[in-house]
PDB file of all heavy atoms in Angstrom:
ATOM      1  N   MET A   1      75.119  57.411 -22.010  1.00  0.00           N
ATOM      2  CA  MET A   1      75.526  57.940 -20.715  1.00  0.00           C
ATOM      3  C   MET A   1      76.583  56.969 -20.060  1.00  0.00           C
ATOM      4  O   MET A   1      77.457  57.449 -19.316  1.00  0.00           O
ATOM      5  CB  MET A   1      74.456  58.237 -19.828  1.00  0.00           C
ATOM      6  CG  MET A   1      73.515  59.390 -20.225  1.00  0.00           C
ATOM      7  SD  MET A   1      74.390  60.883 -20.500  1.00  0.00           S
ATOM      8  CE  MET A   1      74.729  61.321 -18.778  1.00  0.00           C
ATOM      9  N   SER A   2      76.482  55.697 -20.401  1.00  0.00           N
ATOM     10  CA  SER A   2      77.495  54.818 -19.737  1.00  0.00           C
ATOM     11  C   SER A   2      78.942  55.166 -20.217  1.00  0.00           C
ATOM     12  O   SER A   2      79.831  55.062 -19.430  1.00  0.00           O
ATOM     13  CB  SER A   2      77.208  53.365 -20.142  1.00  0.00           C
ATOM     14  OG  SER A   2      77.269  53.038 -21.466  1.00  0.00           O
ATOM     15  N   LYS A   3      79.082  55.569 -21.489  1.00  0.00           N
ATOM     16  CA  LYS A   3      80.380  55.897 -21.947  1.00  0.00           C
ATOM     17  C   LYS A   3      80.735  57.455 -21.425  1.00  0.00           C
ATOM     18  O   LYS A   3      82.016  57.601 -21.188  1.00  0.00           O
ATOM     19  CB  LYS A   3      80.367  55.915 -23.574  1.00  0.00           C
ATOM     20  CG  LYS A   3      80.195  54.539 -24.137  1.00  0.00           C
ATOM     21  CD  LYS A   3      80.365  54.460 -25.634  1.00  0.00           C
ATOM     22  CE  LYS A   3      79.160  54.936 -26.307  1.00  0.00           C
ATOM     23  NZ  LYS A   3      77.946  54.103 -26.204  1.00  0.00           N
ATOM     24  N   LYS A   4      79.766  58.170 -21.287  1.00  0.00           N
ATOM     25  CA  LYS A   4      80.103  59.602 -20.815  1.00  0.00           C
ATOM     26  C   LYS A   4      80.616  59.465 -19.319  1.00  0.00           C
ATOM     27  O   LYS A   4      81.502  60.252 -18.914  1.00  0.00           O
ATOM     28  CB  LYS A   4      78.858  60.423 -20.855  1.00  0.00           C
ATOM     29  CG  LYS A   4      78.469  60.912 -22.262  1.00  0.00           C
ATOM     30  CD  LYS A   4      79.513  61.835 -22.855  1.00  0.00           C
ATOM     31  CE  LYS A   4      80.441  61.097 -23.905  1.00  0.00           C
ATOM     32  NZ  LYS A   4      81.434  62.050 -24.382  1.00  0.00           N
ATOM     33  N   LEU A   5      80.032  58.523 -18.557  1.00  0.00           N
ATOM     34  CA  LEU A   5      80.411  58.348 -17.141  1.00  0.00           C
ATOM     35  C   LEU A   5      81.775  57.842 -17.022  1.00  0.00           C
ATOM     36  O   LEU A   5      82.431  58.013 -15.982  1.00  0.00           O
ATOM     37  CB  LEU A   5      79.358  57.606 -16.437  1.00  0.00           C
ATOM     38  CG  LEU A   5      77.930  58.164 -16.328  1.00  0.00           C
ATOM     39  CD1 LEU A   5      77.061  57.196 -15.450  1.00  0.00           C
ATOM     40  CD2 LEU A   5      77.903  59.515 -15.749  1.00  0.00           C
ATOM     41  N   CYS A   6      82.262  57.205 -18.139  1.00  0.00           N
ATOM     42  CA  CYS A   6      83.633  56.709 -18.082  1.00  0.00           C
ATOM     43  C   CYS A   6      84.677  57.719 -18.563  1.00  0.00           C
ATOM     44  O   CYS A   6      85.922  57.418 -18.329  1.00  0.00           O
ATOM     45  CB  CYS A   6      83.812  55.479 -19.100  1.00  0.00           C
ATOM     46  SG  CYS A   6      82.844  54.097 -18.636  1.00  0.00           S
ATOM     47  N   SER A   7      84.255  58.841 -18.925  1.00  0.00           N
ATOM     48  CA  SER A   7      85.141  59.786 -19.606  1.00  0.00           C
ATOM     49  C   SER A   7      85.965  60.686 -18.605  1.00  0.00           C
ATOM     50  O   SER A   7      86.847  61.374 -19.032  1.00  0.00           O
ATOM     51  CB  SER A   7      84.423  60.719 -20.525  1.00  0.00           C
ATOM     52  OG  SER A   7      83.599  61.583 -19.848  1.00  0.00           O
ATOM     53  N   GLY A   8      85.583  60.664 -17.359  1.00  0.00           N
ATOM     54  CA  GLY A   8      86.335  61.365 -16.346  1.00  0.00           C
ATOM     55  C   GLY A   8      85.913  62.835 -16.121  1.00  0.00           C
ATOM     56  O   GLY A   8      86.604  63.629 -15.409  1.00  0.00           O
ATOM     57  N   CYS A   9      84.947  63.299 -16.919  1.00  0.00           N
ATOM     58  CA  CYS A   9      84.574  64.738 -16.814  1.00  0.00           C
ATOM     59  C   CYS A   9      83.717  65.029 -15.523  1.00  0.00           C
ATOM     60  O   CYS A   9      83.228  64.186 -14.935  1.00  0.00           O
ATOM     61  CB  CYS A   9      83.718  65.161 -18.092  1.00  0.00           C
ATOM     62  SG  CYS A   9      82.184  64.146 -18.178  1.00  0.00           S
ATOM     63  N   ASP A  10      83.619  66.317 -15.129  1.00  0.00           N
ATOM     64  CA  ASP A  10      82.842  66.767 -14.085  1.00  0.00           C
ATOM     65  C   ASP A  10      81.462  67.214 -14.459  1.00  0.00           C
ATOM     66  O   ASP A  10      80.434  67.142 -13.697  1.00  0.00           O
ATOM     67  CB  ASP A  10      83.611  67.963 -13.320  1.00  0.00           C
ATOM     68  CG  ASP A  10      84.978  67.556 -12.889  1.00  0.00           C
ATOM     69  OD1 ASP A  10      85.115  66.561 -12.192  1.00  0.00           O
ATOM     70  OD2 ASP A  10      85.923  68.252 -13.227  1.00  0.00           O
ATOM     71  N   CYS A  11      81.398  67.720 -15.718  1.00  0.00           N
ATOM     72  CA  CYS A  11      80.086  68.272 -16.241  1.00  0.00           C
ATOM     73  C   CYS A  11      79.861  67.748 -17.595  1.00  0.00           C
ATOM     74  O   CYS A  11      80.760  67.576 -18.349  1.00  0.00           O
ATOM     75  CB  CYS A  11      80.128  69.822 -16.290  1.00  0.00           C
ATOM     76  SG  CYS A  11      80.925  70.615 -14.905  1.00  0.00           S
ATOM     77  N   ILE A  12      78.599  67.590 -17.975  1.00  0.00           N
ATOM     78  CA  ILE A  12      78.233  67.041 -19.262  1.00  0.00           C
ATOM     79  C   ILE A  12      77.174  67.954 -19.941  1.00  0.00           C
ATOM     80  O   ILE A  12      76.096  68.179 -19.386  1.00  0.00           O
ATOM     81  CB  ILE A  12      77.653  65.599 -19.198  1.00  0.00           C
ATOM     82  CG1 ILE A  12      78.700  64.679 -18.417  1.00  0.00           C
ATOM     83  CG2 ILE A  12      77.304  65.019 -20.507  1.00  0.00           C
ATOM     84  CD1 ILE A  12      78.046  63.356 -18.080  1.00  0.00           C
ATOM     85  N   LEU A  13      77.450  68.394 -21.143  1.00  0.00           N
ATOM     86  CA  LEU A  13      76.406  69.116 -21.931  1.00  0.00           C
ATOM     87  C   LEU A  13      76.057  68.165 -23.027  1.00  0.00           C
ATOM     88  O   LEU A  13      76.910  67.672 -23.881  1.00  0.00           O
ATOM     89  CB  LEU A  13      77.009  70.413 -22.519  1.00  0.00           C
ATOM     90  CG  LEU A  13      76.052  71.200 -23.418  1.00  0.00           C
ATOM     91  CD1 LEU A  13      74.777  71.728 -22.594  1.00  0.00           C
ATOM     92  CD2 LEU A  13      76.677  72.310 -24.130  1.00  0.00           C
ATOM     93  N   LEU A  14      74.817  67.943 -23.193  1.00  0.00           N
ATOM     94  CA  LEU A  14      74.246  67.053 -24.155  1.00  0.00           C
ATOM     95  C   LEU A  14      73.521  67.893 -25.302  1.00  0.00           C
ATOM     96  O   LEU A  14      72.740  68.711 -25.000  1.00  0.00           O
ATOM     97  CB  LEU A  14      73.267  66.039 -23.582  1.00  0.00           C
ATOM     98  CG  LEU A  14      73.783  65.213 -22.458  1.00  0.00           C
ATOM     99  CD1 LEU A  14      72.592  64.561 -21.655  1.00  0.00           C
ATOM    100  CD2 LEU A  14      74.620  64.011 -23.024  1.00  0.00           C
ATOM    101  N   ASP A  15      73.992  67.542 -26.532  1.00  0.00           N
ATOM    102  CA  ASP A  15      73.332  68.208 -27.719  1.00  0.00           C
ATOM    103  C   ASP A  15      72.415  67.046 -28.304  1.00  0.00           C
ATOM    104  O   ASP A  15      72.904  66.280 -29.070  1.00  0.00           O
ATOM    105  CB  ASP A  15      74.439  68.694 -28.636  1.00  0.00           C
ATOM    106  CG  ASP A  15      73.904  69.355 -29.905  1.00  0.00           C
ATOM    107  OD1 ASP A  15      72.639  69.405 -30.060  1.00  0.00           O
ATOM    108  OD2 ASP A  15      74.684  69.687 -30.749  1.00  0.00           O
ATOM    109  N   VAL A  16      71.196  67.142 -28.054  1.00  0.00           N
ATOM    110  CA  VAL A  16      70.226  66.150 -28.499  1.00  0.00           C
ATOM    111  C   VAL A  16      69.528  66.612 -29.849  1.00  0.00           C
ATOM    112  O   VAL A  16      68.901  67.547 -29.759  1.00  0.00           O
ATOM    113  CB  VAL A  16      69.189  65.794 -27.426  1.00  0.00           C
ATOM    114  CG1 VAL A  16      68.167  64.776 -27.918  1.00  0.00           C
ATOM    115  CG2 VAL A  16      69.790  65.397 -26.163  1.00  0.00           C
ATOM    116  N   LYS A  17      69.924  65.884 -30.924  1.00  0.00           N
ATOM    117  CA  LYS A  17      69.466  66.382 -32.194  1.00  0.00           C
ATOM    118  C   LYS A  17      68.094  65.869 -32.443  1.00  0.00           C
ATOM    119  O   LYS A  17      67.578  64.868 -32.007  1.00  0.00           O
ATOM    120  CB  LYS A  17      70.352  65.759 -33.297  1.00  0.00           C
ATOM    121  CG  LYS A  17      71.823  66.207 -33.166  1.00  0.00           C
ATOM    122  CD  LYS A  17      72.064  67.669 -33.440  1.00  0.00           C
ATOM    123  CE  LYS A  17      73.397  68.012 -33.375  1.00  0.00           C
ATOM    124  NZ  LYS A  17      73.630  69.535 -33.475  1.00  0.00           N
ATOM    125  N   VAL A  18      67.223  66.715 -33.215  1.00  0.00           N
ATOM    126  CA  VAL A  18      65.887  66.447 -33.485  1.00  0.00           C
ATOM    127  C   VAL A  18      65.657  66.691 -34.983  1.00  0.00           C
ATOM    128  O   VAL A  18      66.022  67.733 -35.490  1.00  0.00           O
ATOM    129  CB  VAL A  18      64.945  67.391 -32.654  1.00  0.00           C
ATOM    130  CG1 VAL A  18      63.544  67.035 -32.888  1.00  0.00           C
ATOM    131  CG2 VAL A  18      65.348  67.532 -31.259  1.00  0.00           C
ATOM    132  N   GLY A  19      65.068  65.665 -35.626  1.00  0.00           N
ATOM    133  CA  GLY A  19      64.689  65.885 -36.991  1.00  0.00           C
ATOM    134  C   GLY A  19      65.081  64.638 -37.898  1.00  0.00           C
ATOM    135  O   GLY A  19      65.460  63.587 -37.384  1.00  0.00           O
ATOM    136  N   SER A  20      64.977  64.829 -39.182  1.00  0.00           N
ATOM    137  CA  SER A  20      65.127  63.720 -40.150  1.00  0.00           C
ATOM    138  C   SER A  20      66.660  63.113 -40.127  1.00  0.00           C
ATOM    139  O   SER A  20      66.732  61.877 -40.330  1.00  0.00           O
ATOM    140  CB  SER A  20      64.878  64.214 -41.557  1.00  0.00           C
ATOM    141  OG  SER A  20      65.868  65.103 -42.071  1.00  0.00           O
ATOM    142  N   GLY A  21      67.613  64.016 -39.748  1.00  0.00           N
ATOM    143  CA  GLY A  21      68.950  63.409 -39.722  1.00  0.00           C
ATOM    144  C   GLY A  21      69.369  62.982 -38.380  1.00  0.00           C
ATOM    145  O   GLY A  21      70.507  62.500 -38.164  1.00  0.00           O
ATOM    146  N   ALA A  22      68.462  62.973 -37.393  1.00  0.00           N
ATOM    147  CA  ALA A  22      68.732  62.536 -36.041  1.00  0.00           C
ATOM    148  C   ALA A  22      68.128  61.210 -35.704  1.00  0.00           C
ATOM    149  O   ALA A  22      67.141  60.789 -36.441  1.00  0.00           O
ATOM    150  CB  ALA A  22      68.274  63.643 -35.110  1.00  0.00           C
ATOM    151  N   PHE A  23      68.471  60.657 -34.600  1.00  0.00           N
ATOM    152  CA  PHE A  23      67.835  59.365 -34.192  1.00  0.00           C
ATOM    153  C   PHE A  23      66.475  59.699 -33.722  1.00  0.00           C
ATOM    154  O   PHE A  23      65.500  58.961 -33.832  1.00  0.00           O
ATOM    155  CB  PHE A  23      68.730  58.701 -33.103  1.00  0.00           C
ATOM    156  CG  PHE A  23      68.368  57.306 -32.929  1.00  0.00           C
ATOM    157  CD1 PHE A  23      68.713  56.318 -33.869  1.00  0.00           C
ATOM    158  CD2 PHE A  23      67.447  56.964 -31.858  1.00  0.00           C
ATOM    159  CE1 PHE A  23      68.322  54.909 -33.547  1.00  0.00           C
ATOM    160  CE2 PHE A  23      67.104  55.602 -31.679  1.00  0.00           C
ATOM    161  CZ  PHE A  23      67.522  54.644 -32.553  1.00  0.00           C
ATOM    162  N   MET A  24      66.242  60.853 -33.010  1.00  0.00           N
ATOM    163  CA  MET A  24      64.980  61.262 -32.494  1.00  0.00           C
ATOM    164  C   MET A  24      64.294  62.139 -33.559  1.00  0.00           C
ATOM    165  O   MET A  24      64.783  63.341 -33.890  1.00  0.00           O
ATOM    166  CB  MET A  24      65.193  62.039 -31.203  1.00  0.00           C
ATOM    167  CG  MET A  24      65.742  61.293 -30.005  1.00  0.00           C
ATOM    168  SD  MET A  24      64.628  60.029 -29.430  1.00  0.00           S
ATOM    169  CE  MET A  24      65.333  58.487 -30.045  1.00  0.00           C
ATOM    170  N   LYS A  25      63.290  61.743 -34.138  1.00  0.00           N
ATOM    171  CA  LYS A  25      62.657  62.370 -35.256  1.00  0.00           C
ATOM    172  C   LYS A  25      61.693  63.503 -34.827  1.00  0.00           C
ATOM    173  O   LYS A  25      61.494  64.517 -35.541  1.00  0.00           O
ATOM    174  CB  LYS A  25      61.843  61.452 -36.164  1.00  0.00           C
ATOM    175  CG  LYS A  25      62.646  60.218 -36.621  1.00  0.00           C
ATOM    176  CD  LYS A  25      63.815  60.655 -37.447  1.00  0.00           C
ATOM    177  CE  LYS A  25      64.614  59.377 -37.983  1.00  0.00           C
ATOM    178  NZ  LYS A  25      65.923  59.790 -38.615  1.00  0.00           N
ATOM    179  N   THR A  26      61.241  63.465 -33.712  1.00  0.00           N
ATOM    180  CA  THR A  26      60.170  64.430 -33.174  1.00  0.00           C
ATOM    181  C   THR A  26      60.712  65.085 -31.851  1.00  0.00           C
ATOM    182  O   THR A  26      61.475  64.486 -31.145  1.00  0.00           O
ATOM    183  CB  THR A  26      58.783  63.716 -32.901  1.00  0.00           C
ATOM    184  OG1 THR A  26      58.920  62.862 -31.767  1.00  0.00           O
ATOM    185  CG2 THR A  26      58.429  62.996 -34.130  1.00  0.00           C
ATOM    186  N   LEU A  27      60.209  66.282 -31.566  1.00  0.00           N
ATOM    187  CA  LEU A  27      60.540  66.934 -30.340  1.00  0.00           C
ATOM    188  C   LEU A  27      60.126  66.224 -29.196  1.00  0.00           C
ATOM    189  O   LEU A  27      60.859  66.165 -28.218  1.00  0.00           O
ATOM    190  CB  LEU A  27      59.979  68.379 -30.372  1.00  0.00           C
ATOM    191  CG  LEU A  27      60.448  69.327 -29.313  1.00  0.00           C
ATOM    192  CD1 LEU A  27      61.932  69.496 -29.358  1.00  0.00           C
ATOM    193  CD2 LEU A  27      59.782  70.653 -29.529  1.00  0.00           C
ATOM    194  N   PRO A  28      58.893  65.650 -29.007  1.00  0.00           N
ATOM    195  CA  PRO A  28      58.578  64.877 -27.772  1.00  0.00           C
ATOM    196  C   PRO A  28      59.495  63.729 -27.535  1.00  0.00           C
ATOM    197  O   PRO A  28      59.878  63.538 -26.333  1.00  0.00           O
ATOM    198  CB  PRO A  28      57.126  64.355 -28.124  1.00  0.00           C
ATOM    199  CG  PRO A  28      56.604  65.445 -29.059  1.00  0.00           C
ATOM    200  CD  PRO A  28      57.758  65.764 -29.855  1.00  0.00           C
ATOM    201  N   GLU A  29      59.935  63.012 -28.546  1.00  0.00           N
ATOM    202  CA  GLU A  29      60.810  61.966 -28.360  1.00  0.00           C
ATOM    203  C   GLU A  29      62.200  62.385 -27.897  1.00  0.00           C
ATOM    204  O   GLU A  29      62.873  61.825 -26.948  1.00  0.00           O
ATOM    205  CB  GLU A  29      61.110  61.195 -29.799  1.00  0.00           C
ATOM    206  CG  GLU A  29      60.010  60.344 -30.270  1.00  0.00           C
ATOM    207  CD  GLU A  29      60.364  59.768 -31.622  1.00  0.00           C
ATOM    208  OE1 GLU A  29      60.896  60.440 -32.494  1.00  0.00           O
ATOM    209  OE2 GLU A  29      60.119  58.593 -31.799  1.00  0.00           O
ATOM    210  N   ALA A  30      62.701  63.484 -28.429  1.00  0.00           N
ATOM    211  CA  ALA A  30      63.908  64.122 -28.014  1.00  0.00           C
ATOM    212  C   ALA A  30      63.954  64.582 -26.607  1.00  0.00           C
ATOM    213  O   ALA A  30      64.893  64.394 -25.877  1.00  0.00           O
ATOM    214  CB  ALA A  30      64.299  65.191 -29.028  1.00  0.00           C
ATOM    215  N   GLN A  31      62.765  65.172 -26.264  1.00  0.00           N
ATOM    216  CA  GLN A  31      62.623  65.697 -24.886  1.00  0.00           C
ATOM    217  C   GLN A  31      62.696  64.527 -23.792  1.00  0.00           C
ATOM    218  O   GLN A  31      63.322  64.631 -22.784  1.00  0.00           O
ATOM    219  CB  GLN A  31      61.242  66.505 -24.731  1.00  0.00           C
ATOM    220  CG  GLN A  31      61.285  67.846 -25.380  1.00  0.00           C
ATOM    221  CD  GLN A  31      59.909  68.435 -25.420  1.00  0.00           C
ATOM    222  OE1 GLN A  31      58.937  67.730 -25.544  1.00  0.00           O
ATOM    223  NE2 GLN A  31      59.826  69.770 -25.499  1.00  0.00           N
ATOM    224  N   LYS A  32      62.020  63.460 -24.264  1.00  0.00           N
ATOM    225  CA  LYS A  32      61.961  62.304 -23.319  1.00  0.00           C
ATOM    226  C   LYS A  32      63.440  61.691 -23.133  1.00  0.00           C
ATOM    227  O   LYS A  32      63.828  61.392 -22.061  1.00  0.00           O
ATOM    228  CB  LYS A  32      61.090  61.188 -23.885  1.00  0.00           C
ATOM    229  CG  LYS A  32      60.894  60.037 -22.922  1.00  0.00           C
ATOM    230  CD  LYS A  32      59.740  59.118 -23.527  1.00  0.00           C
ATOM    231  CE  LYS A  32      59.621  57.847 -22.547  1.00  0.00           C
ATOM    232  NZ  LYS A  32      58.652  56.951 -23.076  1.00  0.00           N
ATOM    233  N   LEU A  33      64.124  61.587 -24.262  1.00  0.00           N
ATOM    234  CA  LEU A  33      65.552  61.103 -24.200  1.00  0.00           C
ATOM    235  C   LEU A  33      66.455  62.103 -23.383  1.00  0.00           C
ATOM    236  O   LEU A  33      67.159  61.637 -22.525  1.00  0.00           O
ATOM    237  CB  LEU A  33      66.065  60.951 -25.650  1.00  0.00           C
ATOM    238  CG  LEU A  33      67.534  60.577 -25.672  1.00  0.00           C
ATOM    239  CD1 LEU A  33      67.824  59.208 -24.979  1.00  0.00           C
ATOM    240  CD2 LEU A  33      68.093  60.542 -27.197  1.00  0.00           C
ATOM    241  N   ALA A  34      66.242  63.290 -23.628  1.00  0.00           N
ATOM    242  CA  ALA A  34      67.083  64.361 -22.985  1.00  0.00           C
ATOM    243  C   ALA A  34      66.818  64.284 -21.434  1.00  0.00           C
ATOM    244  O   ALA A  34      67.818  64.296 -20.622  1.00  0.00           O
ATOM    245  CB  ALA A  34      66.775  65.772 -23.471  1.00  0.00           C
ATOM    246  N   LYS A  35      65.487  64.216 -21.052  1.00  0.00           N
ATOM    247  CA  LYS A  35      65.195  64.166 -19.619  1.00  0.00           C
ATOM    248  C   LYS A  35      65.782  62.885 -18.928  1.00  0.00           C
ATOM    249  O   LYS A  35      66.296  63.003 -17.858  1.00  0.00           O
ATOM    250  CB  LYS A  35      63.659  64.164 -19.384  1.00  0.00           C
ATOM    251  CG  LYS A  35      63.091  65.575 -19.706  1.00  0.00           C
ATOM    252  CD  LYS A  35      61.510  65.523 -19.628  1.00  0.00           C
ATOM    253  CE  LYS A  35      60.892  66.880 -19.999  1.00  0.00           C
ATOM    254  NZ  LYS A  35      59.442  66.861 -19.886  1.00  0.00           N
ATOM    255  N   THR A  36      65.723  61.805 -19.715  1.00  0.00           N
ATOM    256  CA  THR A  36      66.275  60.525 -19.129  1.00  0.00           C
ATOM    257  C   THR A  36      67.820  60.661 -18.938  1.00  0.00           C
ATOM    258  O   THR A  36      68.392  60.304 -17.911  1.00  0.00           O
ATOM    259  CB  THR A  36      65.942  59.405 -20.095  1.00  0.00           C
ATOM    260  OG1 THR A  36      64.483  59.259 -20.242  1.00  0.00           O
ATOM    261  CG2 THR A  36      66.437  58.113 -19.544  1.00  0.00           C
ATOM    262  N   MET A  37      68.520  61.198 -19.874  1.00  0.00           N
ATOM    263  CA  MET A  37      69.918  61.306 -19.828  1.00  0.00           C
ATOM    264  C   MET A  37      70.389  62.338 -18.772  1.00  0.00           C
ATOM    265  O   MET A  37      71.370  62.125 -18.071  1.00  0.00           O
ATOM    266  CB  MET A  37      70.564  61.707 -21.209  1.00  0.00           C
ATOM    267  CG  MET A  37      70.475  60.538 -22.257  1.00  0.00           C
ATOM    268  SD  MET A  37      71.431  60.845 -23.710  1.00  0.00           S
ATOM    269  CE  MET A  37      70.692  62.248 -24.486  1.00  0.00           C
ATOM    270  N   VAL A  38      69.760  63.504 -18.683  1.00  0.00           N
ATOM    271  CA  VAL A  38      70.017  64.445 -17.650  1.00  0.00           C
ATOM    272  C   VAL A  38      69.816  63.862 -16.330  1.00  0.00           C
ATOM    273  O   VAL A  38      70.543  64.015 -15.379  1.00  0.00           O
ATOM    274  CB  VAL A  38      69.121  65.716 -17.873  1.00  0.00           C
ATOM    275  CG1 VAL A  38      69.264  66.608 -16.653  1.00  0.00           C
ATOM    276  CG2 VAL A  38      69.560  66.507 -19.114  1.00  0.00           C
ATOM    277  N   SER A  39      68.745  63.093 -16.131  1.00  0.00           N
ATOM    278  CA  SER A  39      68.413  62.407 -14.876  1.00  0.00           C
ATOM    279  C   SER A  39      69.576  61.423 -14.520  1.00  0.00           C
ATOM    280  O   SER A  39      70.017  61.359 -13.339  1.00  0.00           O
ATOM    281  CB  SER A  39      67.069  61.655 -15.001  1.00  0.00           C
ATOM    282  OG  SER A  39      66.798  60.886 -13.678  1.00  0.00           O
ATOM    283  N   ILE A  40      70.063  60.699 -15.471  1.00  0.00           N
ATOM    284  CA  ILE A  40      71.134  59.731 -15.231  1.00  0.00           C
ATOM    285  C   ILE A  40      72.410  60.496 -14.742  1.00  0.00           C
ATOM    286  O   ILE A  40      73.053  60.151 -13.826  1.00  0.00           O
ATOM    287  CB  ILE A  40      71.463  58.955 -16.547  1.00  0.00           C
ATOM    288  CG1 ILE A  40      70.351  57.919 -16.794  1.00  0.00           C
ATOM    289  CG2 ILE A  40      72.779  58.043 -16.347  1.00  0.00           C
ATOM    290  CD1 ILE A  40      70.511  57.292 -18.198  1.00  0.00           C
ATOM    291  N   GLY A  41      72.716  61.584 -15.475  1.00  0.00           N
ATOM    292  CA  GLY A  41      74.016  62.325 -15.156  1.00  0.00           C
ATOM    293  C   GLY A  41      73.867  62.912 -13.793  1.00  0.00           C
ATOM    294  O   GLY A  41      74.797  62.817 -12.983  1.00  0.00           O
ATOM    295  N   LYS A  42      72.685  63.423 -13.379  1.00  0.00           N
ATOM    296  CA  LYS A  42      72.647  64.053 -12.021  1.00  0.00           C
ATOM    297  C   LYS A  42      72.670  62.830 -11.011  1.00  0.00           C
ATOM    298  O   LYS A  42      73.243  62.993  -9.860  1.00  0.00           O
ATOM    299  CB  LYS A  42      71.275  64.743 -11.919  1.00  0.00           C
ATOM    300  CG  LYS A  42      71.271  66.045 -12.695  1.00  0.00           C
ATOM    301  CD  LYS A  42      69.998  66.834 -12.615  1.00  0.00           C
ATOM    302  CE  LYS A  42      70.058  68.116 -13.337  1.00  0.00           C
ATOM    303  NZ  LYS A  42      68.745  68.868 -13.182  1.00  0.00           N
ATOM    304  N   HIS A  43      72.073  61.724 -11.309  1.00  0.00           N
ATOM    305  CA  HIS A  43      72.145  60.616 -10.434  1.00  0.00           C
ATOM    306  C   HIS A  43      73.514  60.161 -10.128  1.00  0.00           C
ATOM    307  O   HIS A  43      73.904  59.744  -9.004  1.00  0.00           O
ATOM    308  CB  HIS A  43      71.339  59.390 -10.978  1.00  0.00           C
ATOM    309  CG  HIS A  43      71.006  58.325  -9.969  1.00  0.00           C
ATOM    310  ND1 HIS A  43      69.914  58.273  -9.199  1.00  0.00           N
ATOM    311  CD2 HIS A  43      71.759  57.181  -9.670  1.00  0.00           C
ATOM    312  CE1 HIS A  43      69.940  57.215  -8.528  1.00  0.00           C
ATOM    313  NE2 HIS A  43      71.089  56.550  -8.737  1.00  0.00           N
ATOM    314  N   ALA A  44      74.404  60.322 -11.139  1.00  0.00           N
ATOM    315  CA  ALA A  44      75.792  59.945 -11.024  1.00  0.00           C
ATOM    316  C   ALA A  44      76.644  61.076 -10.460  1.00  0.00           C
ATOM    317  O   ALA A  44      77.878  60.916 -10.408  1.00  0.00           O
ATOM    318  CB  ALA A  44      76.346  59.519 -12.328  1.00  0.00           C
ATOM    319  N   GLY A  45      76.038  62.180 -10.093  1.00  0.00           N
ATOM    320  CA  GLY A  45      76.701  63.330  -9.532  1.00  0.00           C
ATOM    321  C   GLY A  45      77.443  64.224 -10.457  1.00  0.00           C
ATOM    322  O   GLY A  45      78.333  64.961 -10.087  1.00  0.00           O
TER     323      GLY A  45
END
């Protein structure tokens, strides 16, 4: 999100990958990461 906040955009859509080819292997892990990033985005307006 630090790089996304530098990009000058007004809105951010995050595609959080889940599974063997992703950094987050399980759905609970991915949900936790997604919630954290969405919270950061909203905190930054």
